[in-house]
C-alpha atoms as a PDB file:
ATOM      1  CA  UNK A   1     -89.699 151.152  16.620  1.00  0.00           C
ATOM      2  CA  UNK A   2     -91.449 154.545  16.391  1.00  0.00           C
ATOM      3  CA  UNK A   3     -94.227 155.441  18.786  1.00  0.00           C
ATOM      4  CA  UNK A   4     -97.639 156.670  17.621  1.00  0.00           C
ATOM      5  CA  UNK A   5     -96.692 160.245  18.597  1.00  0.00           C
ATOM      6  CA  UNK A   6     -93.764 160.121  16.168  1.00  0.00           C
ATOM      7  CA  UNK A   7     -96.017 159.155  13.273  1.00  0.00           C
ATOM      8  CA  UNK A   8     -98.882 161.651  13.520  1.00  0.00           C
ATOM      9  CA  UNK A   9     -99.177 165.342  12.670  1.00  0.00           C
ATOM     10  CA  UNK A  10     -97.861 168.116  14.926  1.00  0.00           C
ATOM     11  CA  UNK A  11    -101.420 169.057  15.919  1.00  0.00           C
ATOM     12  CA  UNK A  12    -102.121 165.404  16.710  1.00  0.00           C
ATOM     13  CA  UNK A  13     -98.992 165.176  18.884  1.00  0.00           C
ATOM     14  CA  UNK A  14    -100.022 168.286  20.794  1.00  0.00           C
ATOM     15  CA  UNK A  15    -103.525 166.929  21.384  1.00  0.00           C
ATOM     16  CA  UNK A  16    -102.432 163.350  22.122  1.00  0.00           C
ATOM     17  CA  UNK A  17    -102.140 163.637  25.945  1.00  0.00           C
ATOM     18  CA  UNK A  18    -105.525 165.364  26.122  1.00  0.00           C
ATOM     19  CA  UNK A  19    -107.138 162.726  23.875  1.00  0.00           C
ATOM     20  CA  UNK A  20    -105.647 159.891  25.971  1.00  0.00           C
ATOM     21  CA  UNK A  21    -107.007 161.450  29.177  1.00  0.00           C
ATOM     22  CA  UNK A  22    -110.433 162.046  27.596  1.00  0.00           C
ATOM     23  CA  UNK A  23    -110.661 158.417  26.428  1.00  0.00           C
ATOM     24  CA  UNK A  24    -109.676 157.190  29.905  1.00  0.00           C
ATOM     25  CA  UNK A  25    -112.370 159.415  31.435  1.00  0.00           C
ATOM     26  CA  UNK A  26    -114.985 158.084  28.999  1.00  0.00           C
ATOM     27  CA  UNK A  27    -115.624 161.297  27.046  1.00  0.00           C
ATOM     28  CA  UNK A  28    -117.139 160.956  23.599  1.00  0.00           C
ATOM     29  CA  UNK A  29    -115.192 161.921  20.493  1.00  0.00           C
ATOM     30  CA  UNK A  30    -117.387 164.979  19.874  1.00  0.00           C
ATOM     31  CA  UNK A  31    -117.097 166.211  23.464  1.00  0.00           C
ATOM     32  CA  UNK A  32    -113.325 165.759  23.343  1.00  0.00           C
ATOM     33  CA  UNK A  33    -113.011 167.626  20.044  1.00  0.00           C
ATOM     34  CA  UNK A  34    -115.128 170.500  21.402  1.00  0.00           C
ATOM     35  CA  UNK A  35    -112.886 170.746  24.474  1.00  0.00           C
ATOM     36  CA  UNK A  36    -109.751 170.749  22.335  1.00  0.00           C
ATOM     37  CA  UNK A  37    -111.232 173.610  20.312  1.00  0.00           C
ATOM     38  CA  UNK A  38    -112.187 175.491  23.488  1.00  0.00           C
ATOM     39  CA  UNK A  39    -108.530 175.287  24.570  1.00  0.00           C
ATOM     40  CA  UNK A  40    -107.548 177.011  21.334  1.00  0.00           C
ATOM     41  CA  UNK A  41    -105.903 173.976  19.751  1.00  0.00           C
ATOM     42  CA  UNK A  42    -106.629 173.188  16.144  1.00  0.00           C
ATOM     43  CA  UNK A  43    -106.632 169.666  14.719  1.00  0.00           C
ATOM     44  CA  UNK A  44    -108.244 168.291  11.587  1.00  0.00           C
ATOM     45  CA  UNK A  45    -111.366 166.324  12.481  1.00  0.00           C
ATOM     46  CA  UNK A  46    -110.291 163.318  10.385  1.00  0.00           C
ATOM     47  CA  UNK A  47    -106.879 163.213  12.125  1.00  0.00           C
ATOM     48  CA  UNK A  48    -108.520 163.588  15.519  1.00  0.00           C
ATOM     49  CA  UNK A  49    -111.039 160.791  14.889  1.00  0.00           C
ATOM     50  CA  UNK A  50    -108.339 158.406  13.690  1.00  0.00           C
ATOM     51  CA  UNK A  51    -106.235 159.073  16.815  1.00  0.00           C
ATOM     52  CA  UNK A  52    -109.289 158.835  19.079  1.00  0.00           C
ATOM     53  CA  UNK A  53    -110.330 155.464  17.599  1.00  0.00           C
ATOM     54  CA  UNK A  54    -106.825 154.051  17.940  1.00  0.00           C
ATOM     55  CA  UNK A  55    -106.520 155.113  21.583  1.00  0.00           C
ATOM     56  CA  UNK A  56    -110.043 153.917  22.375  1.00  0.00           C
ATOM     57  CA  UNK A  57    -109.306 150.610  20.643  1.00  0.00           C
ATOM     58  CA  UNK A  58    -112.391 151.037  18.463  1.00  0.00           C
ATOM     59  CA  UNK A  59    -110.831 151.692  15.098  1.00  0.00           C
ATOM     60  CA  UNK A  60    -110.287 148.993  12.567  1.00  0.00           C
ATOM     61  CA  UNK A  61    -106.913 148.017  11.242  1.00  0.00           C
ATOM     62  CA  UNK A  62    -107.284 150.336   8.234  1.00  0.00           C
ATOM     63  CA  UNK A  63    -107.608 153.331  10.619  1.00  0.00           C
ATOM     64  CA  UNK A  64    -104.406 152.222  12.318  1.00  0.00           C
ATOM     65  CA  UNK A  65    -102.490 151.796   9.056  1.00  0.00           C
ATOM     66  CA  UNK A  66    -103.687 155.203   7.878  1.00  0.00           C
ATOM     67  CA  UNK A  67    -102.457 156.819  11.106  1.00  0.00           C
ATOM     68  CA  UNK A  68     -99.077 155.084  11.350  1.00  0.00           C
ATOM     69  CA  UNK A  69     -98.314 155.202   7.644  1.00  0.00           C
ATOM     70  CA  UNK A  70     -96.979 152.462   5.403  1.00  0.00           C
ATOM     71  CA  UNK A  71     -93.700 152.106   7.337  1.00  0.00           C
ATOM     72  CA  UNK A  72     -95.138 152.026  10.866  1.00  0.00           C
ATOM     73  CA  UNK A  73     -95.599 148.776  12.754  1.00  0.00           C
ATOM     74  CA  UNK A  74     -99.174 147.874  13.685  1.00  0.00           C
ATOM     75  CA  UNK A  75     -99.598 148.468  17.466  1.00  0.00           C
ATOM     76  CA  UNK A  76     -99.861 145.480  19.790  1.00  0.00           C
ATOM     77  CA  UNK A  77    -103.504 146.023  20.707  1.00  0.00           C
ATOM     78  CA  UNK A  78    -104.452 145.586  17.031  1.00  0.00           C
ATOM     79  CA  UNK A  79    -102.824 142.138  16.872  1.00  0.00           C
ATOM     80  CA  UNK A  80    -105.465 139.767  18.169  1.00  0.00           C
ATOM     81  CA  UNK A  81    -104.564 136.392  19.640  1.00  0.00           C
ATOM     82  CA  UNK A  82    -104.985 133.585  17.149  1.00  0.00           C
ATOM     83  CA  UNK A  83    -107.257 130.721  18.111  1.00  0.00           C
ATOM     84  CA  UNK A  84    -104.931 128.425  16.178  1.00  0.00           C
ATOM     85  CA  UNK A  85    -101.316 127.571  16.843  1.00  0.00           C
ATOM     86  CA  UNK A  86     -99.558 129.562  14.114  1.00  0.00           C
ATOM     87  CA  UNK A  87     -96.366 128.418  12.420  1.00  0.00           C
ATOM     88  CA  UNK A  88     -94.907 131.888  13.026  1.00  0.00           C
ATOM     89  CA  UNK A  89     -95.319 134.451  15.805  1.00  0.00           C
ATOM     90  CA  UNK A  90     -97.397 136.897  13.708  1.00  0.00           C
ATOM     91  CA  UNK A  91     -99.895 136.354  10.918  1.00  0.00           C
ATOM     92  CA  UNK A  92    -101.529 138.931   8.681  1.00  0.00           C
ATOM     93  CA  UNK A  93    -104.641 138.391   6.556  1.00  0.00           C
ATOM     94  CA  UNK A  94    -104.663 140.249   3.260  1.00  0.00           C
ATOM     95  CA  UNK A  95    -107.848 140.685   1.243  1.00  0.00           C
ATOM     96  CA  UNK A  96    -107.329 140.484  -2.488  1.00  0.00           C
ATOM     97  CA  UNK A  97    -109.645 142.265  -4.891  1.00  0.00           C
ATOM     98  CA  UNK A  98    -108.836 141.418  -8.473  1.00  0.00           C
ATOM     99  CA  UNK A  99    -112.013 142.530 -10.177  1.00  0.00           C
ATOM    100  CA  UNK A 100    -114.181 139.908 -11.884  1.00  0.00           C
ATOM    101  CA  UNK A 101    -111.732 137.027 -11.373  1.00  0.00           C
ATOM    102  CA  UNK A 102    -112.081 134.703  -8.399  1.00  0.00           C
ATOM    103  CA  UNK A 103    -108.433 133.651  -8.348  1.00  0.00           C
ATOM    104  CA  UNK A 104    -108.299 134.087  -4.552  1.00  0.00           C
ATOM    105  CA  UNK A 105    -110.187 135.948  -1.838  1.00  0.00           C
ATOM    106  CA  UNK A 106    -107.476 136.308   0.777  1.00  0.00           C
ATOM    107  CA  UNK A 107    -104.069 135.127   1.733  1.00  0.00           C
ATOM    108  CA  UNK A 108    -102.063 134.911   4.950  1.00  0.00           C
ATOM    109  CA  UNK A 109     -98.520 136.111   5.519  1.00  0.00           C
ATOM    110  CA  UNK A 110     -96.592 134.834   8.536  1.00  0.00           C
ATOM    111  CA  UNK A 111     -93.548 136.345  10.230  1.00  0.00           C
ATOM    112  CA  UNK A 112     -91.564 135.856  13.414  1.00  0.00           C
ATOM    113  CA  UNK A 113     -91.366 139.651  13.896  1.00  0.00           C
ATOM    114  CA  UNK A 114     -94.091 142.306  13.518  1.00  0.00           C
ATOM    115  CA  UNK A 115     -94.184 143.800  10.014  1.00  0.00           C
ATOM    116  CA  UNK A 116     -95.012 147.203   8.533  1.00  0.00           C
ATOM    117  CA  UNK A 117     -97.866 147.639   6.069  1.00  0.00           C
ATOM    118  CA  UNK A 118     -95.374 147.920   3.178  1.00  0.00           C
ATOM    119  CA  UNK A 119     -93.630 144.694   4.209  1.00  0.00           C
ATOM    120  CA  UNK A 120     -96.935 142.831   4.532  1.00  0.00           C
ATOM    121  CA  UNK A 121     -98.270 144.024   1.175  1.00  0.00           C
ATOM    122  CA  UNK A 122     -94.942 143.390  -0.580  1.00  0.00           C
ATOM    123  CA  UNK A 123     -94.856 139.799   0.682  1.00  0.00           C
ATOM    124  CA  UNK A 124     -98.524 139.304  -0.252  1.00  0.00           C
ATOM    125  CA  UNK A 125     -98.002 140.632  -3.757  1.00  0.00           C
ATOM    126  CA  UNK A 126     -94.934 138.422  -4.312  1.00  0.00           C
ATOM    127  CA  UNK A 127     -96.747 135.334  -3.025  1.00  0.00           C
ATOM    128  CA  UNK A 128     -99.888 136.022  -5.037  1.00  0.00           C
ATOM    129  CA  UNK A 129     -98.014 136.797  -8.250  1.00  0.00           C
ATOM    130  CA  UNK A 130     -95.996 133.579  -7.871  1.00  0.00           C
ATOM    131  CA  UNK A 131     -99.160 131.554  -7.372  1.00  0.00           C
ATOM    132  CA  UNK A 132    -100.942 133.200 -10.315  1.00  0.00           C
ATOM    133  CA  UNK A 133     -98.057 132.536 -12.704  1.00  0.00           C
ATOM    134  CA  UNK A 134     -97.822 128.905 -11.552  1.00  0.00           C
ATOM    135  CA  UNK A 135    -101.426 128.326 -12.653  1.00  0.00           C
ATOM    136  CA  UNK A 136    -101.211 130.497 -15.807  1.00  0.00           C
ATOM    137  CA  UNK A 137    -103.264 133.456 -14.579  1.00  0.00           C
ATOM    138  CA  UNK A 138    -100.694 136.292 -14.672  1.00  0.00           C
ATOM    139  CA  UNK A 139    -103.204 138.709 -16.244  1.00  0.00           C
ATOM    140  CA  UNK A 140    -105.635 138.401 -13.336  1.00  0.00           C
ATOM    141  CA  UNK A 141    -102.850 138.965 -10.804  1.00  0.00           C
ATOM    142  CA  UNK A 142    -101.547 142.122 -12.486  1.00  0.00           C
ATOM    143  CA  UNK A 143    -104.597 144.203 -11.500  1.00  0.00           C
ATOM    144  CA  UNK A 144    -105.058 142.848  -7.978  1.00  0.00           C
ATOM    145  CA  UNK A 145    -105.489 145.279  -5.072  1.00  0.00           C
ATOM    146  CA  UNK A 146    -104.212 144.132  -1.668  1.00  0.00           C
ATOM    147  CA  UNK A 147    -105.583 145.303   1.699  1.00  0.00           C
ATOM    148  CA  UNK A 148    -104.472 144.169   5.166  1.00  0.00           C
ATOM    149  CA  UNK A 149    -107.630 143.187   7.058  1.00  0.00           C
ATOM    150  CA  UNK A 150    -106.389 141.324  10.162  1.00  0.00           C
ATOM    151  CA  UNK A 151    -103.290 141.010  12.309  1.00  0.00           C
ATOM    152  CA  UNK A 152    -102.847 138.106  14.750  1.00  0.00           C
ATOM    153  CA  UNK A 153    -100.175 136.966  17.139  1.00  0.00           C
ATOM    154  CA  UNK A 154     -99.459 133.423  18.191  1.00  0.00           C
ATOM    155  CA  UNK A 155    -100.684 133.369  21.798  1.00  0.00           C
ATOM    156  CA  UNK A 156     -98.646 130.240  22.510  1.00  0.00           C
ATOM    157  CA  UNK A 157     -95.365 131.889  21.463  1.00  0.00           C
ATOM    158  CA  UNK A 158     -93.142 133.035  24.340  1.00  0.00           C
ATOM    159  CA  UNK A 159     -92.131 136.180  22.435  1.00  0.00           C
ATOM    160  CA  UNK A 160     -95.497 137.321  21.089  1.00  0.00           C
ATOM    161  CA  UNK A 161     -96.662 140.453  22.858  1.00  0.00           C
ATOM    162  CA  UNK A 162     -93.213 141.050  24.397  1.00  0.00           C
ATOM    163  CA  UNK A 163     -91.595 142.748  21.435  1.00  0.00           C
ATOM    164  CA  UNK A 164     -91.554 146.278  22.864  1.00  0.00           C
ATOM    165  CA  UNK A 165     -94.401 147.901  21.002  1.00  0.00           C
ATOM    166  CA  UNK A 166     -95.040 151.592  21.483  1.00  0.00           C
ATOM    167  CA  UNK A 167     -97.698 152.242  24.067  1.00  0.00           C
ATOM    168  CA  UNK A 168    -100.749 154.126  22.841  1.00  0.00           C
END
């Protein structure tokens, strides 16, 4: 499983140790970016802010997916414990926007192993398309846009949280 450093830009990898230390010391994002610039390092502000939010644990899941890419696994600290006993170790909530139709608002995909964004969205699309065709609404399903909005782990599972995630 690739670590965050393997999934971000070269400038982000070079700045990563400094950003981690700055977050641990409580520096703000702007102060950290100024210090990186003063050291002569260059990093795009949008890349820096995404990395900073992930390390600080303040970004939302869309920031994480943007940083790790569609084939990266969502880091452990972005899987929140479920208040319910899940049928599988991991559960992902996918928001569905299909325009004017109200066929569905969201759906949940379960897995015994952590999934990548592509795997989650592929499973959601297959499930949603199957449901839509079973009720005769294929047209509404064809234009649906899927977005992962939540990731949970089954807190009662003995393996959840012990999968060997990359440390941030």
